[in-house]
Protein backbone atom coordinates (compact mmCIF):
# COMPACT_ATOMS: atom_id res chain seq x y z
CA MET A 1 0.26 0.23 0.07
CA THR A 2 1.06 3.43 -1.12
CA LYS A 3 2.19 5.46 2.17
CA LYS A 4 0.47 9.22 2.93
CA ILE A 5 3.17 11.75 2.56
CA VAL A 6 2.84 13.98 5.30
CA THR A 7 4.65 17.12 5.28
CA VAL A 8 6.43 18.87 8.12
CA VAL A 9 7.50 22.54 7.81
CA GLY A 10 10.03 23.34 10.66
CA ALA A 11 10.97 19.77 10.74
CA THR A 12 14.16 20.04 12.88
CA GLY A 13 12.37 23.06 15.27
CA LYS A 14 10.67 21.95 18.99
CA GLN A 15 7.28 21.15 17.31
CA GLY A 16 8.54 19.88 14.06
CA THR A 17 10.35 16.91 16.42
CA GLY A 18 7.24 16.54 18.46
CA ILE A 19 5.07 16.66 15.62
CA ILE A 20 7.71 13.85 13.22
CA ALA A 21 7.66 11.24 16.70
CA ALA A 22 3.44 11.42 16.50
CA LEU A 23 3.75 9.80 12.93
CA PRO A 24 4.20 6.28 12.40
CA LYS A 25 6.72 5.49 9.68
CA ASP A 26 5.05 2.13 8.50
CA ILE A 27 1.95 4.26 7.95
CA TYR A 28 3.44 7.91 6.46
CA HIS A 29 5.88 9.08 4.23
CA ILE A 30 7.30 11.78 6.03
CA ARG A 31 8.95 14.91 4.42
CA GLY A 32 10.82 16.90 6.43
CA LEU A 33 11.19 20.87 5.49
CA THR A 34 14.34 22.67 6.22
CA ARG A 35 16.01 25.49 5.69
CA ASN A 36 19.04 23.84 6.24
CA PRO A 37 19.03 20.24 5.07
CA GLY A 38 23.28 20.19 5.97
CA SER A 39 22.53 20.38 9.51
CA ALA A 40 23.27 17.72 12.26
CA ALA A 41 19.81 18.00 13.06
CA ALA A 42 18.55 17.81 9.30
CA THR A 43 21.04 14.43 8.33
CA ALA A 44 19.75 12.91 11.86
CA LEU A 45 16.37 13.15 10.63
CA SER A 46 17.57 11.31 6.85
CA SER A 47 19.42 8.81 8.77
CA GLN A 48 15.97 8.02 10.26
CA GLY A 49 14.03 7.92 6.85
CA VAL A 50 12.87 10.97 6.44
CA GLU A 51 13.09 12.81 3.35
CA VAL A 52 14.29 16.17 4.06
CA VAL A 53 13.96 19.13 1.82
CA LYS A 54 15.60 21.91 1.49
CA THR A 55 12.29 24.82 2.11
CA ASP A 56 12.15 28.64 1.60
CA ILE A 57 8.65 29.71 3.43
CA GLY A 58 8.97 33.09 2.00
CA ASN A 59 8.81 31.89 -1.39
CA LEU A 60 5.45 30.38 -2.95
CA ASP A 61 7.10 28.64 -5.97
CA SER A 62 9.32 27.00 -3.76
CA LEU A 63 6.38 25.47 -1.14
CA GLU A 64 3.99 24.39 -4.08
CA ILE A 65 7.28 22.04 -5.00
CA ALA A 66 7.62 20.91 -1.42
CA PHE A 67 3.93 20.38 -1.00
CA SER A 68 3.14 18.90 -3.86
CA GLY A 69 1.59 15.57 -3.53
CA SER A 70 1.23 15.84 -0.04
CA HIS A 71 -2.08 14.39 2.05
CA ILE A 72 -1.04 16.22 5.00
CA ILE A 73 0.61 19.07 6.11
CA PHE A 74 1.49 20.95 9.76
CA ALA A 75 2.66 24.52 8.83
CA VAL A 76 4.57 26.44 11.29
CA THR A 77 6.31 30.34 11.27
CA ASP A 78 9.33 30.89 13.14
CA PHE A 79 8.88 34.52 14.46
CA TYR A 80 12.14 35.20 15.98
CA GLU A 81 14.31 34.58 13.43
CA SER A 82 12.62 37.81 11.79
CA PHE A 83 12.64 39.71 14.95
CA GLU A 84 16.37 39.30 15.64
CA LYS A 85 16.64 40.75 12.59
CA TYR A 86 14.29 43.16 12.19
CA GLY A 87 12.36 44.20 15.11
CA PRO A 88 8.63 43.10 15.78
CA GLU A 89 6.54 44.74 13.88
CA LYS A 90 8.55 43.90 10.48
CA ALA A 91 8.65 40.25 11.60
CA MET A 92 4.85 40.14 12.61
CA GLU A 93 4.66 40.88 8.89
CA ILE A 94 7.11 38.60 7.19
CA GLU A 95 5.17 35.77 9.15
CA THR A 96 1.42 36.49 7.78
CA GLN A 97 3.44 36.49 4.66
CA GLN A 98 5.16 33.69 5.04
CA GLY A 99 1.64 31.63 7.03
CA ILE A 100 -0.47 32.90 3.85
CA ASN A 101 2.51 31.76 1.53
CA MET A 102 2.13 28.42 2.75
CA ALA A 103 -1.99 28.16 3.01
CA LYS A 104 -2.09 29.40 -1.11
CA ALA A 105 0.21 27.00 -1.86
CA ALA A 106 -1.78 24.07 0.70
CA ALA A 107 -4.92 25.20 -1.61
CA ALA A 108 -3.28 24.08 -4.58
CA VAL A 109 -2.48 20.49 -3.42
CA PRO A 110 -5.11 18.24 -5.34
CA THR A 111 -3.92 15.33 -2.57
CA LEU A 112 -4.26 17.81 0.51
CA GLU A 113 -6.52 15.84 2.88
CA HIS A 114 -5.35 17.73 6.59
CA TYR A 115 -3.92 21.03 6.61
CA ILE A 116 -2.49 21.96 11.03
CA TRP A 117 -1.32 25.28 11.12
CA SER A 118 0.24 26.12 14.59
CA THR A 119 -1.02 29.25 15.80
CA LEU A 120 -1.50 31.53 18.64
CA PRO A 121 -4.02 33.96 20.44
CA LYS A 122 -5.51 36.53 18.66
CA SER A 123 -4.25 40.01 20.25
CA SER A 124 -5.29 43.52 19.46
CA GLY A 125 -5.50 47.01 21.13
CA PRO A 126 -3.76 47.76 24.15
CA PHE A 127 -2.59 44.45 24.44
CA HIS A 128 -1.15 43.53 21.00
CA VAL A 129 1.39 40.87 21.12
CA PRO A 130 2.85 41.16 17.76
CA HIS A 131 3.91 37.07 17.69
CA PHE A 132 0.27 36.21 18.48
CA GLU A 133 -1.12 38.80 15.55
CA GLY A 134 1.13 37.62 12.78
CA LYS A 135 -0.44 34.18 12.73
CA HIS A 136 -3.59 35.12 14.00
CA ARG A 137 -3.69 37.10 11.13
CA VAL A 138 -3.36 33.92 8.74
CA ASP A 139 -5.88 31.97 10.41
CA GLU A 140 -8.48 35.51 9.45
CA TYR A 141 -6.46 34.73 5.71
CA ILE A 142 -7.41 30.75 5.77
CA ARG A 143 -11.19 31.83 6.94
CA THR A 144 -11.62 33.42 3.54
CA ASP A 145 -10.87 29.98 1.80
CA ALA A 146 -13.69 27.23 2.32
CA ALA A 147 -12.49 24.42 0.82
CA LEU A 148 -9.15 25.10 3.14
CA LEU A 149 -11.17 25.46 6.15
CA ALA A 150 -12.87 22.27 5.40
CA LYS A 151 -9.83 20.31 5.64
CA THR A 152 -7.77 22.61 9.22
CA THR A 153 -7.17 21.87 12.49
CA PHE A 154 -5.51 25.41 14.32
CA ILE A 155 -3.46 23.89 17.19
CA MET A 156 -2.36 26.47 19.52
CA VAL A 157 0.64 25.07 20.95
CA CYS A 158 1.38 27.01 24.39
CA TYR A 159 3.29 28.24 26.81
CA TYR A 160 6.91 26.28 26.34
CA ALA A 161 8.16 25.44 30.18
CA GLU A 162 11.96 25.40 28.85
CA ASN A 163 11.52 29.22 28.18
CA LEU A 164 12.73 29.59 31.63
CA ALA A 165 16.33 29.25 30.18
CA LEU A 166 15.58 32.68 28.43
CA PRO A 167 17.97 35.78 29.51
CA SER A 168 14.32 37.84 31.01
CA TYR A 169 13.06 35.07 32.38
CA ARG A 170 15.85 32.45 34.07
CA PRO A 171 16.09 32.54 37.88
CA TYR A 172 19.65 34.35 38.68
CA TRP A 173 21.39 33.28 41.66
CA ILE A 174 21.68 36.48 44.42
CA GLU A 175 24.55 35.86 46.80
CA THR A 176 23.93 37.65 49.31
CA ALA A 177 20.47 36.20 49.62
CA LYS A 178 21.07 33.07 49.08
CA LYS A 179 18.72 32.55 47.10
CA TYR A 180 17.61 32.70 43.05
CA VAL A 181 15.31 35.90 41.60
CA GLN A 182 13.30 36.04 38.94
CA PHE A 183 12.68 39.54 37.64
CA THR A 184 9.38 39.95 36.07
CA THR A 185 6.56 42.91 34.81
CA TYR A 186 4.04 40.81 36.22
CA GLY A 187 2.15 39.06 38.99
CA PRO A 188 2.81 36.08 40.88
CA ALA A 189 -0.75 34.79 40.12
CA THR A 190 -0.61 35.32 36.46
CA SER A 191 -2.00 31.98 34.89
CA VAL A 192 -0.18 30.94 32.03
CA PRO A 193 -1.52 28.27 29.49
CA LEU A 194 1.45 25.53 29.54
CA ILE A 195 2.15 22.82 27.65
CA GLY A 196 5.63 21.80 28.94
CA ASP A 197 8.40 20.21 27.30
CA VAL A 198 6.95 20.85 23.82
CA THR A 199 8.77 18.28 21.95
CA LYS A 200 7.37 15.80 24.50
CA ASN A 201 3.53 17.29 25.20
CA VAL A 202 2.95 18.04 21.04
CA THR A 203 3.21 14.39 20.01
CA PRO A 204 -0.26 13.56 21.80
CA PHE A 205 -1.89 16.10 20.51
CA ILE A 206 -0.87 15.38 16.99
CA LYS A 207 -2.06 11.97 16.93
CA ALA A 208 -5.69 13.32 18.49
CA ILE A 209 -5.71 15.96 16.04
CA LEU A 210 -5.05 12.99 13.43
CA ASP A 211 -6.64 9.83 14.71
CA GLN A 212 -10.18 12.23 14.92
CA PRO A 213 -10.33 13.66 11.98
CA GLY A 214 -14.27 14.54 11.61
CA LYS A 215 -13.55 15.88 15.36
CA THR A 216 -10.45 18.55 14.41
CA LYS A 217 -10.77 19.57 11.21
CA ASN A 218 -13.36 22.09 9.99
CA GLY A 219 -11.51 24.80 11.55
CA ALA A 220 -11.69 23.52 15.34
CA MET A 221 -8.88 24.92 17.38
CA VAL A 222 -7.04 22.49 19.19
CA ILE A 223 -5.55 24.24 22.82
CA ALA A 224 -2.37 22.18 23.30
CA SER A 225 -1.90 22.76 26.64
CA SER A 226 -0.44 20.13 29.13
CA GLU A 227 -2.29 22.56 32.58
CA SER A 228 -2.83 25.66 33.71
CA VAL A 229 -0.58 27.05 35.94
CA THR A 230 0.58 30.36 37.77
CA ALA A 231 3.33 31.76 36.97
CA GLU A 232 4.54 32.23 39.91
CA ASP A 233 4.32 27.73 39.93
CA TRP A 234 6.43 27.92 36.69
CA VAL A 235 8.97 28.99 38.73
CA GLN A 236 8.45 27.53 41.97
CA ALA A 237 8.32 24.05 40.54
CA TRP A 238 11.83 24.15 39.28
CA ALA A 239 13.15 25.65 42.20
CA ARG A 240 11.29 22.63 44.51
CA ALA A 241 12.99 20.01 42.24
CA LYS A 242 16.56 21.35 42.70
CA GLY A 243 16.14 22.03 46.31
CA VAL A 244 16.87 25.51 46.20
CA GLN A 245 14.49 28.38 46.61
CA VAL A 246 13.56 30.88 43.84
CA GLN A 247 11.92 34.69 44.96
CA THR A 248 9.99 36.73 41.97
CA VAL A 249 10.76 40.53 42.18
CA ARG A 250 7.79 42.62 39.80
CA ILE A 251 9.48 45.74 38.61
CA SER A 252 8.65 48.39 36.01
CA ARG A 253 8.93 47.56 32.25
CA ASP A 254 11.31 50.44 32.26
CA ASP A 255 13.76 48.71 34.07
CA TYR A 256 12.93 45.53 32.66
CA ASP A 257 13.76 46.67 28.70
CA LYS A 258 16.83 47.98 30.29
CA LEU A 259 18.27 45.01 31.52
CA TRP A 260 17.63 42.69 28.50
CA PRO A 261 17.58 45.76 25.69
CA TRP A 262 16.48 44.68 22.34
CA PRO A 263 17.33 41.67 20.41
CA HIS A 264 16.96 39.52 23.49
CA TRP A 265 13.10 39.22 23.06
CA ALA A 266 12.30 41.00 26.44
CA GLU A 267 10.18 43.70 25.62
CA GLU A 268 7.94 40.84 22.99
CA PHE A 269 7.40 38.45 25.99
CA ALA A 270 6.20 41.07 28.64
CA LYS A 271 3.50 41.97 25.96
CA MET A 272 2.78 38.70 26.22
CA PHE A 273 2.04 38.43 30.14
CA ASP A 274 0.92 41.59 30.16
CA PHE A 275 -2.13 39.56 27.53
CA PHE A 276 -2.24 36.57 29.83
CA GLU A 277 -2.63 39.17 32.68
CA ASN A 278 -5.17 42.03 31.72
CA VAL A 279 -6.67 39.21 28.44
CA PRO A 280 -9.35 37.06 29.45
CA VAL A 281 -9.20 33.51 28.10
CA GLN A 282 -12.61 33.47 26.06
CA GLU A 283 -11.45 36.99 24.03
CA TRP A 284 -8.53 35.33 23.23
CA LEU A 285 -10.40 32.89 20.23
CA VAL A 286 -13.01 33.92 17.24
CA PRO A 287 -16.52 33.84 18.27
CA GLY A 288 -18.39 30.47 17.60
CA GLN A 289 -15.09 28.87 16.99
CA GLN A 290 -15.04 24.94 17.91
CA VAL A 291 -12.87 24.73 20.82
CA LEU A 292 -10.98 20.97 21.86
CA THR A 293 -8.67 20.81 24.80
CA ARG A 294 -6.90 16.94 25.62
CA ASN A 295 -10.07 16.24 27.70
CA GLU A 296 -12.33 16.16 24.38
CA LEU A 297 -9.99 14.23 22.68
CA GLY A 298 -8.99 12.34 24.95
CA ILE A 299 -5.59 12.79 25.28
CA THR A 300 -3.83 11.42 29.13
CA GLU A 301 -0.41 10.92 28.49
CA LEU A 302 1.08 14.50 29.13
CA GLU A 303 4.00 15.42 30.96
CA SER A 304 3.45 17.37 34.30
CA LEU A 305 4.91 20.72 34.70
CA GLN A 306 6.16 18.38 38.60
CA GLU A 307 7.91 15.95 36.04
CA TRP A 308 9.02 18.50 33.58
CA ALA A 309 11.21 20.27 36.41
CA LYS A 310 12.46 17.28 37.92
CA ARG A 311 14.51 16.47 34.84
CA TYR A 312 15.32 20.20 33.61
CA GLU A 313 18.40 21.39 33.93
CA LEU A 314 18.86 25.39 33.72
CA PRO A 315 21.70 25.65 30.77
CA SER A 316 24.57 27.56 32.54
CA ILE A 317 24.91 31.37 31.63
């Protein structure tokens, strides 16, 4: 029997790695798209039987070739590559165009059965988050194409626990206090929708999406979250697992931005936590959109925050 082709954009990235882990190689022919097919990660995929294809998602012609013959496509964009070069607003424009390119290319594939688009909440007004909004604009484009929308699952992959390693989030050792301090612009009770270790926890969601297409297509939104925790829970779980003390200290946005000036992403992530702290969950999505959580999909095998913290090692500075 001829295997169905599953094309995974960003195959060497964190989400891509978790996607590929969800795909049985005896059922699917896996095609991994990457900017750099000569990288160690891409070479490792090739050795596992993945067809690695160099692709520029900014180029529609390149995508049409890469998507050819696909039955299932997983699409994701990388905001941060453009962010480091051009800043948030330009990166948002680039990400939007890349996402629209992929939607156009996917819509033109006659063999396509299922399109899975990795998105984030809609944001606007005083709590505008560029790396959210670029993806949401792609959502809006997909909704204008009824035929593509019928084949589409939107998946919102929530907050990565390993973001604790980023400069503006990581706990810093304060010798005089004999404890770690995490500097924040948000309150400790801020609710954070967590995916945990994305490469581990996104896999069960993709399996469920593919196993239940009647439920997950037609523009349904899958919330890929292992649990909702507070910002304090997140850092304290790490501290308990390591047998150390940590204190969160809220500082002004002005001081925060001075500690981590661009391009360290601090301002972008501060905007994200402003959003988490101030925008109710019911405003994250389009009214009337079908929403599926781990419970609706019957997912039980997710790693918890506590389990993640036990094995997570904060990288050395």
